[in-house]
């Protein structure tokens, strides 16, 4: 009695489309038995009309950035920034801290400086007036 292995007919060997670069996945290719799946890097999503392509996610437009003040979309990510009078918080790059122009001597006030959130106000000692 002679036995033949016909499993290769019923189950042909898998071709790794990812390793052979035949998948056309733009970013990430995952081989599966008899097929492959394309996926995207963080900050991207699968294109709705072509599942091989990845589209940038605009985290600013969909409000997932958690930027406190200004959000700027970048390819695959985003950047938070602050309005004039504020700096990025050193412990949380999505938050903004008020700049105390009076304490940092950047106000150019000659006599009295009063810090305000995002700004400052100069005033004068009694007997003096603001020179405009």
C-alpha atoms as a PDB file:
ATOM      1  CA  UNK A   1       0.000   0.000   0.000  1.00  0.00           C
ATOM      2  CA  UNK A   2       1.345   3.352  -1.021  1.00  0.00           C
ATOM      3  CA  UNK A   3       0.282   6.525   0.818  1.00  0.00           C
ATOM      4  CA  UNK A   4       0.317   9.930  -0.826  1.00  0.00           C
ATOM      5  CA  UNK A   5       0.230  13.252   0.984  1.00  0.00           C
ATOM      6  CA  UNK A   6      -2.444  15.303  -0.773  1.00  0.00           C
ATOM      7  CA  UNK A   7      -2.711  17.990   1.914  1.00  0.00           C
ATOM      8  CA  UNK A   8      -0.935  20.458  -0.378  1.00  0.00           C
ATOM      9  CA  UNK A   9      -3.852  20.119  -2.814  1.00  0.00           C
ATOM     10  CA  UNK A  10      -6.480  20.718  -0.160  1.00  0.00           C
ATOM     11  CA  UNK A  11      -4.373  23.263   1.742  1.00  0.00           C
ATOM     12  CA  UNK A  12      -1.869  24.911  -0.586  1.00  0.00           C
ATOM     13  CA  UNK A  13       1.083  26.569   1.134  1.00  0.00           C
ATOM     14  CA  UNK A  14       0.404  30.109   2.263  1.00  0.00           C
ATOM     15  CA  UNK A  15       1.990  32.893   0.252  1.00  0.00           C
ATOM     16  CA  UNK A  16       3.155  35.687   2.503  1.00  0.00           C
ATOM     17  CA  UNK A  17       1.985  38.728   0.530  1.00  0.00           C
ATOM     18  CA  UNK A  18       3.663  40.990   3.089  1.00  0.00           C
ATOM     19  CA  UNK A  19       7.100  39.408   2.693  1.00  0.00           C
ATOM     20  CA  UNK A  20       6.808  39.335  -1.111  1.00  0.00           C
ATOM     21  CA  UNK A  21       5.626  42.975  -1.255  1.00  0.00           C
ATOM     22  CA  UNK A  22       2.502  42.074  -3.234  1.00  0.00           C
ATOM     23  CA  UNK A  23       0.026  43.412  -0.673  1.00  0.00           C
ATOM     24  CA  UNK A  24       0.323  47.101  -1.665  1.00  0.00           C
ATOM     25  CA  UNK A  25      -0.237  48.046   1.991  1.00  0.00           C
ATOM     26  CA  UNK A  26       0.888  51.619   2.450  1.00  0.00           C
ATOM     27  CA  UNK A  27       1.991  51.210   6.067  1.00  0.00           C
ATOM     28  CA  UNK A  28       1.462  47.929   7.966  1.00  0.00           C
ATOM     29  CA  UNK A  29       0.876  44.503   6.436  1.00  0.00           C
ATOM     30  CA  UNK A  30      -0.152  41.487   8.514  1.00  0.00           C
ATOM     31  CA  UNK A  31      -0.070  38.117   6.816  1.00  0.00           C
ATOM     32  CA  UNK A  32      -2.987  35.746   7.415  1.00  0.00           C
ATOM     33  CA  UNK A  33      -3.569  32.247   6.062  1.00  0.00           C
ATOM     34  CA  UNK A  34      -4.423  32.739   2.395  1.00  0.00           C
ATOM     35  CA  UNK A  35      -4.644  36.511   2.655  1.00  0.00           C
ATOM     36  CA  UNK A  36      -3.323  39.648   4.356  1.00  0.00           C
ATOM     37  CA  UNK A  37      -4.657  42.635   6.263  1.00  0.00           C
ATOM     38  CA  UNK A  38      -3.502  46.230   5.905  1.00  0.00           C
ATOM     39  CA  UNK A  39      -3.483  48.555   8.905  1.00  0.00           C
ATOM     40  CA  UNK A  40      -2.083  51.959   9.750  1.00  0.00           C
ATOM     41  CA  UNK A  41       0.368  53.557  12.129  1.00  0.00           C
ATOM     42  CA  UNK A  42      -0.981  55.611  15.055  1.00  0.00           C
ATOM     43  CA  UNK A  43      -2.368  58.924  13.775  1.00  0.00           C
ATOM     44  CA  UNK A  44      -3.681  57.318  10.567  1.00  0.00           C
ATOM     45  CA  UNK A  45      -6.797  55.362   9.584  1.00  0.00           C
ATOM     46  CA  UNK A  46      -7.617  53.036   6.688  1.00  0.00           C
ATOM     47  CA  UNK A  47      -8.869  54.882   3.608  1.00  0.00           C
ATOM     48  CA  UNK A  48     -12.603  54.236   3.149  1.00  0.00           C
ATOM     49  CA  UNK A  49     -12.337  53.566  -0.603  1.00  0.00           C
ATOM     50  CA  UNK A  50      -8.961  51.771  -0.739  1.00  0.00           C
ATOM     51  CA  UNK A  51      -8.115  49.557   2.240  1.00  0.00           C
ATOM     52  CA  UNK A  52      -4.441  49.473   1.217  1.00  0.00           C
ATOM     53  CA  UNK A  53      -4.039  53.203   1.867  1.00  0.00           C
ATOM     54  CA  UNK A  54      -3.864  55.195   5.102  1.00  0.00           C
ATOM     55  CA  UNK A  55      -5.266  58.669   5.695  1.00  0.00           C
ATOM     56  CA  UNK A  56      -4.024  61.157   8.243  1.00  0.00           C
ATOM     57  CA  UNK A  57      -6.371  61.609  11.211  1.00  0.00           C
ATOM     58  CA  UNK A  58      -6.911  65.310  11.952  1.00  0.00           C
ATOM     59  CA  UNK A  59      -6.900  65.110  15.743  1.00  0.00           C
ATOM     60  CA  UNK A  60      -7.632  68.845  15.918  1.00  0.00           C
ATOM     61  CA  UNK A  61     -10.776  68.645  13.779  1.00  0.00           C
ATOM     62  CA  UNK A  62     -12.211  65.704  15.701  1.00  0.00           C
ATOM     63  CA  UNK A  63     -11.157  67.229  19.032  1.00  0.00           C
ATOM     64  CA  UNK A  64      -9.117  64.296  20.327  1.00  0.00           C
ATOM     65  CA  UNK A  65      -5.909  66.276  20.829  1.00  0.00           C
ATOM     66  CA  UNK A  66      -6.873  67.706  24.244  1.00  0.00           C
ATOM     67  CA  UNK A  67      -4.911  70.869  23.434  1.00  0.00           C
ATOM     68  CA  UNK A  68      -5.956  73.555  25.871  1.00  0.00           C
ATOM     69  CA  UNK A  69      -5.561  76.458  23.445  1.00  0.00           C
ATOM     70  CA  UNK A  70      -4.194  75.942  19.917  1.00  0.00           C
ATOM     71  CA  UNK A  71      -4.045  72.654  17.994  1.00  0.00           C
ATOM     72  CA  UNK A  72      -2.102  72.280  14.749  1.00  0.00           C
ATOM     73  CA  UNK A  73      -2.555  69.065  12.789  1.00  0.00           C
ATOM     74  CA  UNK A  74       0.614  67.411  11.447  1.00  0.00           C
ATOM     75  CA  UNK A  75       0.973  64.286   9.316  1.00  0.00           C
ATOM     76  CA  UNK A  76       0.285  61.427  11.724  1.00  0.00           C
ATOM     77  CA  UNK A  77       0.082  63.611  14.803  1.00  0.00           C
ATOM     78  CA  UNK A  78      -0.605  67.115  16.130  1.00  0.00           C
ATOM     79  CA  UNK A  79       1.089  69.917  18.039  1.00  0.00           C
ATOM     80  CA  UNK A  80      -0.320  71.984  20.880  1.00  0.00           C
ATOM     81  CA  UNK A  81       0.668  75.608  21.298  1.00  0.00           C
ATOM     82  CA  UNK A  82      -0.482  78.581  23.318  1.00  0.00           C
ATOM     83  CA  UNK A  83      -1.781  82.075  22.782  1.00  0.00           C
ATOM     84  CA  UNK A  84       0.469  85.067  23.365  1.00  0.00           C
ATOM     85  CA  UNK A  85       1.033  85.508  27.089  1.00  0.00           C
ATOM     86  CA  UNK A  86       1.145  81.749  27.748  1.00  0.00           C
ATOM     87  CA  UNK A  87       3.767  78.985  27.533  1.00  0.00           C
ATOM     88  CA  UNK A  88       3.378  75.220  27.158  1.00  0.00           C
ATOM     89  CA  UNK A  89       3.220  73.558  30.593  1.00  0.00           C
ATOM     90  CA  UNK A  90       6.518  71.713  31.180  1.00  0.00           C
ATOM     91  CA  UNK A  91       4.741  68.705  32.712  1.00  0.00           C
ATOM     92  CA  UNK A  92       1.837  68.480  30.228  1.00  0.00           C
ATOM     93  CA  UNK A  93       2.451  69.590  26.633  1.00  0.00           C
ATOM     94  CA  UNK A  94      -1.294  69.895  26.011  1.00  0.00           C
ATOM     95  CA  UNK A  95      -1.806  72.591  28.671  1.00  0.00           C
ATOM     96  CA  UNK A  96      -0.779  76.242  28.815  1.00  0.00           C
ATOM     97  CA  UNK A  97       0.574  78.254  31.738  1.00  0.00           C
ATOM     98  CA  UNK A  98       0.267  82.003  32.141  1.00  0.00           C
ATOM     99  CA  UNK A  99       3.518  83.924  31.707  1.00  0.00           C
ATOM    100  CA  UNK A 100       3.985  86.313  34.614  1.00  0.00           C
ATOM    101  CA  UNK A 101       5.495  89.195  32.670  1.00  0.00           C
ATOM    102  CA  UNK A 102       5.940  91.139  35.930  1.00  0.00           C
ATOM    103  CA  UNK A 103       7.984  88.410  37.620  1.00  0.00           C
ATOM    104  CA  UNK A 104      10.088  87.786  34.500  1.00  0.00           C
ATOM    105  CA  UNK A 105      10.685  91.527  33.923  1.00  0.00           C
ATOM    106  CA  UNK A 106       9.424  91.358  30.331  1.00  0.00           C
ATOM    107  CA  UNK A 107       6.588  93.869  30.800  1.00  0.00           C
ATOM    108  CA  UNK A 108       8.689  97.026  30.396  1.00  0.00           C
ATOM    109  CA  UNK A 109       6.530  98.681  33.063  1.00  0.00           C
ATOM    110  CA  UNK A 110       8.476 101.545  34.660  1.00  0.00           C
ATOM    111  CA  UNK A 111       6.737 101.522  38.022  1.00  0.00           C
ATOM    112  CA  UNK A 112       3.918  99.099  38.831  1.00  0.00           C
ATOM    113  CA  UNK A 113       3.199  95.864  36.975  1.00  0.00           C
ATOM    114  CA  UNK A 114       0.052  93.829  37.584  1.00  0.00           C
ATOM    115  CA  UNK A 115      -0.001  90.368  36.057  1.00  0.00           C
ATOM    116  CA  UNK A 116      -3.255  89.323  34.371  1.00  0.00           C
ATOM    117  CA  UNK A 117      -4.065  85.896  32.915  1.00  0.00           C
ATOM    118  CA  UNK A 118      -2.404  85.996  29.498  1.00  0.00           C
ATOM    119  CA  UNK A 119      -1.300  89.620  29.861  1.00  0.00           C
ATOM    120  CA  UNK A 120      -0.277  92.391  32.248  1.00  0.00           C
ATOM    121  CA  UNK A 121      -1.185  95.987  33.056  1.00  0.00           C
ATOM    122  CA  UNK A 122       1.226  98.811  33.841  1.00  0.00           C
ATOM    123  CA  UNK A 123       0.242 101.497  36.300  1.00  0.00           C
ATOM    124  CA  UNK A 124       1.908 104.375  38.077  1.00  0.00           C
ATOM    125  CA  UNK A 125       2.744 105.414  41.580  1.00  0.00           C
ATOM    126  CA  UNK A 126       0.620 108.268  42.984  1.00  0.00           C
ATOM    127  CA  UNK A 127       1.492 111.551  41.304  1.00  0.00           C
ATOM    128  CA  UNK A 128       2.541 109.919  38.010  1.00  0.00           C
ATOM    129  CA  UNK A 129       0.557 109.075  34.869  1.00  0.00           C
ATOM    130  CA  UNK A 130       0.989 106.627  32.012  1.00  0.00           C
ATOM    131  CA  UNK A 131       2.921 108.162  29.112  1.00  0.00           C
ATOM    132  CA  UNK A 132       1.057 107.217  25.929  1.00  0.00           C
END
